[in-house]
Amino acid sequence: MTGGKAPRAAGDRFERACFQRLQAAGWHVIRSAGSHGPADLAAFRADRLPVWVQCKITDNVSLRQRIAFYRIAEDAGVMAVIVSRPGTRQGALWVRIDPSGNRAPFDIGDAKWQS
């Protein structure tokens, strides 16, 4: 099953959970509901580089997509971050994207993940 109301609702819930986690870690967050922009969330904190966050229920973002996201974020002067939740019982995996599309861990701060 692809598309439809159930996957969209799950994605919306995950975006809101990521939004809340960033806020709990001291970030000021803006949500672009409906994915009408290059990122789902934009997050700002005085002591960190601003980030654009793509929230994905699965971790099926291709190398080409990661590189494209990195380039758009770089042009805007922000860091590209993808957060996914590959397993139903696992916490979210936050990664930053580098120019080659590689992933490295990204620490948003001292907030616990709450499902």
N, C-alpha and C. Protein backbone atom coordinates (compact mmCIF):
# COMPACT_ATOMS: atom_id res chain seq x y z
N MET A 1 0.84 -1.17 0.00
CA MET A 1 0.00 0.00 0.00
C MET A 1 0.89 1.24 0.00
N THR A 2 0.69 2.09 -0.96
CA THR A 2 1.44 3.35 -1.00
C THR A 2 0.45 4.49 -1.02
N GLY A 3 0.81 5.60 -0.40
CA GLY A 3 -0.09 6.73 -0.37
C GLY A 3 -1.30 6.45 0.50
N GLY A 4 -2.29 7.32 0.44
CA GLY A 4 -3.50 7.12 1.21
C GLY A 4 -3.47 7.82 2.55
N LYS A 5 -4.59 7.71 3.24
CA LYS A 5 -4.76 8.43 4.50
C LYS A 5 -3.94 7.87 5.66
N ALA A 6 -3.87 6.54 5.77
CA ALA A 6 -3.16 5.95 6.91
C ALA A 6 -1.67 6.27 6.90
N PRO A 7 -0.94 6.07 5.78
CA PRO A 7 0.48 6.43 5.78
C PRO A 7 0.70 7.93 5.99
N ARG A 8 -0.18 8.75 5.43
CA ARG A 8 -0.06 10.20 5.59
C ARG A 8 -0.23 10.58 7.06
N ALA A 9 -1.22 9.96 7.71
CA ALA A 9 -1.45 10.25 9.13
C ALA A 9 -0.26 9.83 9.98
N ALA A 10 0.32 8.67 9.66
CA ALA A 10 1.51 8.21 10.40
C ALA A 10 2.67 9.18 10.20
N GLY A 11 2.85 9.66 8.98
CA GLY A 11 3.90 10.63 8.70
C GLY A 11 3.68 11.93 9.45
N ASP A 12 2.45 12.39 9.49
CA ASP A 12 2.12 13.62 10.23
C ASP A 12 2.41 13.46 11.72
N ARG A 13 2.03 12.30 12.28
CA ARG A 13 2.32 12.06 13.71
C ARG A 13 3.82 12.06 13.97
N PHE A 14 4.58 11.45 13.06
CA PHE A 14 6.03 11.39 13.23
C PHE A 14 6.64 12.79 13.13
N GLU A 15 6.17 13.61 12.19
CA GLU A 15 6.66 15.00 12.08
C GLU A 15 6.38 15.76 13.37
N ARG A 16 5.17 15.61 13.91
CA ARG A 16 4.84 16.31 15.16
C ARG A 16 5.71 15.83 16.32
N ALA A 17 5.99 14.52 16.37
CA ALA A 17 6.86 13.99 17.43
C ALA A 17 8.27 14.55 17.30
N CYS A 18 8.78 14.66 16.08
CA CYS A 18 10.11 15.24 15.86
C CYS A 18 10.12 16.72 16.24
N PHE A 19 9.06 17.42 15.89
CA PHE A 19 8.90 18.83 16.24
C PHE A 19 8.99 18.99 17.76
N GLN A 20 8.22 18.16 18.49
CA GLN A 20 8.20 18.25 19.95
C GLN A 20 9.55 17.90 20.56
N ARG A 21 10.23 16.93 19.98
CA ARG A 21 11.55 16.55 20.52
C ARG A 21 12.55 17.68 20.34
N LEU A 22 12.55 18.31 19.17
CA LEU A 22 13.44 19.45 18.95
C LEU A 22 13.12 20.59 19.92
N GLN A 23 11.84 20.89 20.10
CA GLN A 23 11.45 21.94 21.05
C GLN A 23 11.94 21.61 22.46
N ALA A 24 11.78 20.36 22.88
CA ALA A 24 12.21 19.95 24.21
C ALA A 24 13.72 20.09 24.39
N ALA A 25 14.47 20.05 23.28
CA ALA A 25 15.92 20.20 23.34
C ALA A 25 16.35 21.66 23.17
N GLY A 26 15.38 22.59 23.17
CA GLY A 26 15.72 24.01 23.14
C GLY A 26 15.75 24.65 21.77
N TRP A 27 15.26 23.96 20.76
CA TRP A 27 15.22 24.52 19.41
C TRP A 27 13.91 25.28 19.19
N HIS A 28 13.97 26.31 18.35
CA HIS A 28 12.78 26.99 17.85
C HIS A 28 12.47 26.32 16.51
N VAL A 29 11.26 25.81 16.34
CA VAL A 29 10.96 24.94 15.21
C VAL A 29 9.78 25.48 14.41
N ILE A 30 9.90 25.38 13.10
CA ILE A 30 8.82 25.72 12.17
C ILE A 30 8.51 24.46 11.38
N ARG A 31 7.22 24.13 11.29
CA ARG A 31 6.80 22.93 10.55
C ARG A 31 6.17 23.33 9.23
N SER A 32 6.62 22.70 8.15
CA SER A 32 6.06 22.92 6.83
C SER A 32 5.12 21.75 6.53
N ALA A 33 3.92 21.80 7.10
CA ALA A 33 2.96 20.69 6.95
C ALA A 33 2.63 20.47 5.48
N GLY A 34 2.54 19.22 5.11
CA GLY A 34 2.20 18.87 3.73
C GLY A 34 3.39 18.80 2.81
N SER A 35 4.59 18.96 3.35
CA SER A 35 5.83 18.89 2.56
C SER A 35 5.80 19.79 1.33
N HIS A 36 5.44 21.05 1.55
CA HIS A 36 5.40 22.00 0.45
C HIS A 36 6.74 22.72 0.27
N GLY A 37 7.73 22.31 1.00
CA GLY A 37 9.05 22.91 0.87
C GLY A 37 10.10 21.83 0.84
N PRO A 38 11.37 22.21 0.85
CA PRO A 38 12.44 21.22 0.79
C PRO A 38 12.59 20.39 2.07
N ALA A 39 12.02 20.88 3.18
CA ALA A 39 12.15 20.17 4.45
C ALA A 39 10.81 20.19 5.18
N ASP A 40 10.65 19.23 6.08
CA ASP A 40 9.44 19.16 6.89
C ASP A 40 9.51 20.13 8.06
N LEU A 41 10.73 20.29 8.61
CA LEU A 41 10.94 21.17 9.75
C LEU A 41 12.15 22.05 9.52
N ALA A 42 12.09 23.26 10.04
CA ALA A 42 13.25 24.14 10.10
C ALA A 42 13.47 24.43 11.58
N ALA A 43 14.70 24.24 12.06
CA ALA A 43 14.97 24.39 13.49
C ALA A 43 16.14 25.33 13.71
N PHE A 44 16.00 26.16 14.74
CA PHE A 44 16.99 27.19 15.03
C PHE A 44 17.30 27.19 16.52
N ARG A 45 18.59 27.35 16.83
CA ARG A 45 19.04 27.45 18.22
C ARG A 45 20.27 28.34 18.20
N ALA A 46 20.40 29.22 19.17
CA ALA A 46 21.48 30.22 19.17
C ALA A 46 22.87 29.61 19.11
N ASP A 47 23.06 28.46 19.72
CA ASP A 47 24.40 27.87 19.80
C ASP A 47 24.69 26.85 18.71
N ARG A 48 23.80 26.69 17.74
CA ARG A 48 23.98 25.70 16.69
C ARG A 48 23.66 26.28 15.32
N LEU A 49 24.20 25.65 14.30
CA LEU A 49 23.85 25.99 12.93
C LEU A 49 22.39 25.62 12.69
N PRO A 50 21.60 26.47 12.02
CA PRO A 50 20.22 26.10 11.72
C PRO A 50 20.17 24.81 10.90
N VAL A 51 19.08 24.06 11.09
CA VAL A 51 18.94 22.79 10.36
C VAL A 51 17.59 22.73 9.64
N TRP A 52 17.60 22.05 8.50
CA TRP A 52 16.38 21.64 7.82
C TRP A 52 16.28 20.15 8.05
N VAL A 53 15.09 19.70 8.43
CA VAL A 53 14.88 18.31 8.78
C VAL A 53 13.83 17.68 7.87
N GLN A 54 14.18 16.55 7.28
CA GLN A 54 13.21 15.72 6.59
C GLN A 54 12.87 14.57 7.52
N CYS A 55 11.58 14.35 7.77
CA CYS A 55 11.12 13.28 8.66
C CYS A 55 10.60 12.13 7.82
N LYS A 56 11.18 10.95 8.00
CA LYS A 56 10.81 9.77 7.22
C LYS A 56 10.49 8.62 8.16
N ILE A 57 9.35 7.99 7.94
CA ILE A 57 8.98 6.83 8.75
C ILE A 57 9.97 5.69 8.50
N THR A 58 10.36 5.50 7.26
CA THR A 58 11.35 4.48 6.90
C THR A 58 12.64 5.18 6.50
N ASP A 59 13.68 4.41 6.33
CA ASP A 59 14.97 4.98 5.95
C ASP A 59 15.26 4.66 4.49
N ASN A 60 14.32 4.94 3.61
CA ASN A 60 14.50 4.60 2.21
C ASN A 60 14.79 5.82 1.33
N VAL A 61 15.60 6.73 1.84
CA VAL A 61 16.00 7.91 1.08
C VAL A 61 17.22 7.53 0.26
N SER A 62 17.12 7.67 -1.06
CA SER A 62 18.22 7.26 -1.93
C SER A 62 19.40 8.22 -1.83
N LEU A 63 20.54 7.76 -2.28
CA LEU A 63 21.75 8.59 -2.30
C LEU A 63 21.49 9.86 -3.11
N ARG A 64 20.86 9.72 -4.24
CA ARG A 64 20.55 10.88 -5.10
C ARG A 64 19.68 11.89 -4.35
N GLN A 65 18.67 11.41 -3.62
CA GLN A 65 17.80 12.30 -2.85
C GLN A 65 18.56 12.99 -1.72
N ARG A 66 19.45 12.24 -1.06
CA ARG A 66 20.24 12.83 0.03
C ARG A 66 21.16 13.93 -0.49
N ILE A 67 21.81 13.69 -1.63
CA ILE A 67 22.70 14.71 -2.21
C ILE A 67 21.91 15.94 -2.62
N ALA A 68 20.76 15.74 -3.23
CA ALA A 68 19.92 16.88 -3.65
C ALA A 68 19.48 17.69 -2.43
N PHE A 69 19.09 17.00 -1.36
CA PHE A 69 18.68 17.70 -0.14
C PHE A 69 19.85 18.47 0.45
N TYR A 70 21.03 17.84 0.47
CA TYR A 70 22.22 18.53 0.99
C TYR A 70 22.48 19.83 0.21
N ARG A 71 22.42 19.75 -1.10
CA ARG A 71 22.74 20.92 -1.94
C ARG A 71 21.75 22.06 -1.72
N ILE A 72 20.49 21.74 -1.60
CA ILE A 72 19.48 22.78 -1.35
C ILE A 72 19.73 23.42 0.02
N ALA A 73 19.99 22.59 1.02
CA ALA A 73 20.25 23.10 2.36
C ALA A 73 21.52 23.96 2.38
N GLU A 74 22.56 23.49 1.70
CA GLU A 74 23.81 24.25 1.66
C GLU A 74 23.59 25.62 1.02
N ASP A 75 22.83 25.67 -0.06
CA ASP A 75 22.52 26.95 -0.70
C ASP A 75 21.81 27.91 0.25
N ALA A 76 21.02 27.36 1.17
CA ALA A 76 20.29 28.17 2.13
C ALA A 76 21.12 28.48 3.38
N GLY A 77 22.30 27.88 3.50
CA GLY A 77 23.16 28.13 4.66
C GLY A 77 22.74 27.38 5.90
N VAL A 78 22.09 26.22 5.71
CA VAL A 78 21.65 25.41 6.85
C VAL A 78 22.19 24.00 6.71
N MET A 79 22.12 23.23 7.80
CA MET A 79 22.56 21.84 7.78
C MET A 79 21.39 20.95 7.37
N ALA A 80 21.66 19.94 6.55
CA ALA A 80 20.65 18.97 6.13
C ALA A 80 20.63 17.81 7.10
N VAL A 81 19.44 17.54 7.67
CA VAL A 81 19.28 16.45 8.64
C VAL A 81 18.08 15.61 8.22
N ILE A 82 18.23 14.30 8.29
CA ILE A 82 17.12 13.39 8.04
C ILE A 82 16.90 12.58 9.30
N VAL A 83 15.66 12.49 9.72
CA VAL A 83 15.32 11.67 10.88
C VAL A 83 14.37 10.58 10.39
N SER A 84 14.67 9.35 10.79
CA SER A 84 13.82 8.23 10.40
C SER A 84 13.56 7.36 11.62
N ARG A 85 12.56 6.53 11.47
CA ARG A 85 12.22 5.60 12.54
C ARG A 85 12.00 4.24 11.88
N PRO A 86 13.11 3.57 11.55
CA PRO A 86 13.01 2.35 10.75
C PRO A 86 12.27 1.19 11.40
N GLY A 87 12.29 1.08 12.71
CA GLY A 87 11.58 -0.01 13.39
C GLY A 87 10.46 0.54 14.24
N THR A 88 9.46 -0.24 14.49
CA THR A 88 8.31 0.26 15.23
C THR A 88 8.63 0.52 16.70
N ARG A 89 9.58 -0.18 17.26
CA ARG A 89 9.90 -0.01 18.68
C ARG A 89 11.21 0.75 18.91
N GLN A 90 11.90 1.11 17.86
CA GLN A 90 13.17 1.81 18.01
C GLN A 90 12.95 3.32 18.15
N GLY A 91 13.91 3.98 18.77
CA GLY A 91 13.90 5.42 18.79
C GLY A 91 14.25 5.94 17.41
N ALA A 92 14.10 7.22 17.22
CA ALA A 92 14.39 7.82 15.92
C ALA A 92 15.89 7.90 15.70
N LEU A 93 16.28 7.82 14.44
CA LEU A 93 17.67 7.92 14.03
C LEU A 93 17.86 9.28 13.35
N TRP A 94 18.63 10.16 13.98
CA TRP A 94 18.88 11.50 13.45
C TRP A 94 20.25 11.50 12.79
N VAL A 95 20.32 11.88 11.51
CA VAL A 95 21.59 11.92 10.80
C VAL A 95 21.72 13.22 10.02
N ARG A 96 22.96 13.71 9.94
CA ARG A 96 23.23 14.85 9.07
C ARG A 96 23.78 14.31 7.77
N ILE A 97 23.57 15.06 6.72
CA ILE A 97 24.00 14.63 5.39
C ILE A 97 25.20 15.46 4.97
N ASP A 98 26.22 14.81 4.39
CA ASP A 98 27.41 15.53 3.91
C ASP A 98 27.33 15.69 2.40
N PRO A 99 28.31 16.39 1.79
CA PRO A 99 28.25 16.66 0.34
C PRO A 99 28.17 15.41 -0.53
N SER A 100 28.66 14.28 -0.04
CA SER A 100 28.63 13.04 -0.82
C SER A 100 27.35 12.24 -0.58
N GLY A 101 26.46 12.76 0.25
CA GLY A 101 25.23 12.05 0.57
C GLY A 101 25.37 11.06 1.70
N ASN A 102 26.56 11.02 2.31
CA ASN A 102 26.79 10.11 3.43
C ASN A 102 26.06 10.62 4.68
N ARG A 103 25.79 9.71 5.60
CA ARG A 103 25.10 10.03 6.84
C ARG A 103 26.04 9.93 8.03
N ALA A 104 25.89 10.88 8.95
CA ALA A 104 26.64 10.85 10.21
C ALA A 104 25.67 11.18 11.33
N PRO A 105 25.88 10.63 12.52
CA PRO A 105 24.96 10.91 13.63
C PRO A 105 24.83 12.40 13.89
N PHE A 106 23.65 12.81 14.26
CA PHE A 106 23.37 14.21 14.60
C PHE A 106 22.70 14.25 15.96
N ASP A 107 23.29 14.96 16.90
CA ASP A 107 22.79 15.07 18.26
C ASP A 107 21.99 16.36 18.38
N ILE A 108 20.68 16.26 18.59
CA ILE A 108 19.87 17.47 18.69
C ILE A 108 19.93 18.10 20.06
N GLY A 109 20.37 17.37 21.06
CA GLY A 109 20.43 17.91 22.42
C GLY A 109 19.92 16.91 23.43
N ASP A 110 19.56 17.40 24.59
CA ASP A 110 19.23 16.54 25.74
C ASP A 110 17.75 16.26 25.89
N ALA A 111 17.08 15.86 24.84
CA ALA A 111 15.66 15.52 24.95
C ALA A 111 15.47 14.03 24.78
N LYS A 112 14.68 13.44 25.61
CA LYS A 112 14.38 12.00 25.48
C LYS A 112 13.29 11.81 24.42
N TRP A 113 13.39 10.72 23.68
CA TRP A 113 12.36 10.41 22.68
C TRP A 113 11.14 9.88 23.39
N GLN A 114 9.99 10.46 23.08
CA GLN A 114 8.73 9.99 23.67
C GLN A 114 7.81 9.60 22.55
N SER A 115 7.38 8.34 22.54
CA SER A 115 6.48 7.84 21.50
C SER A 115 5.07 8.25 21.78
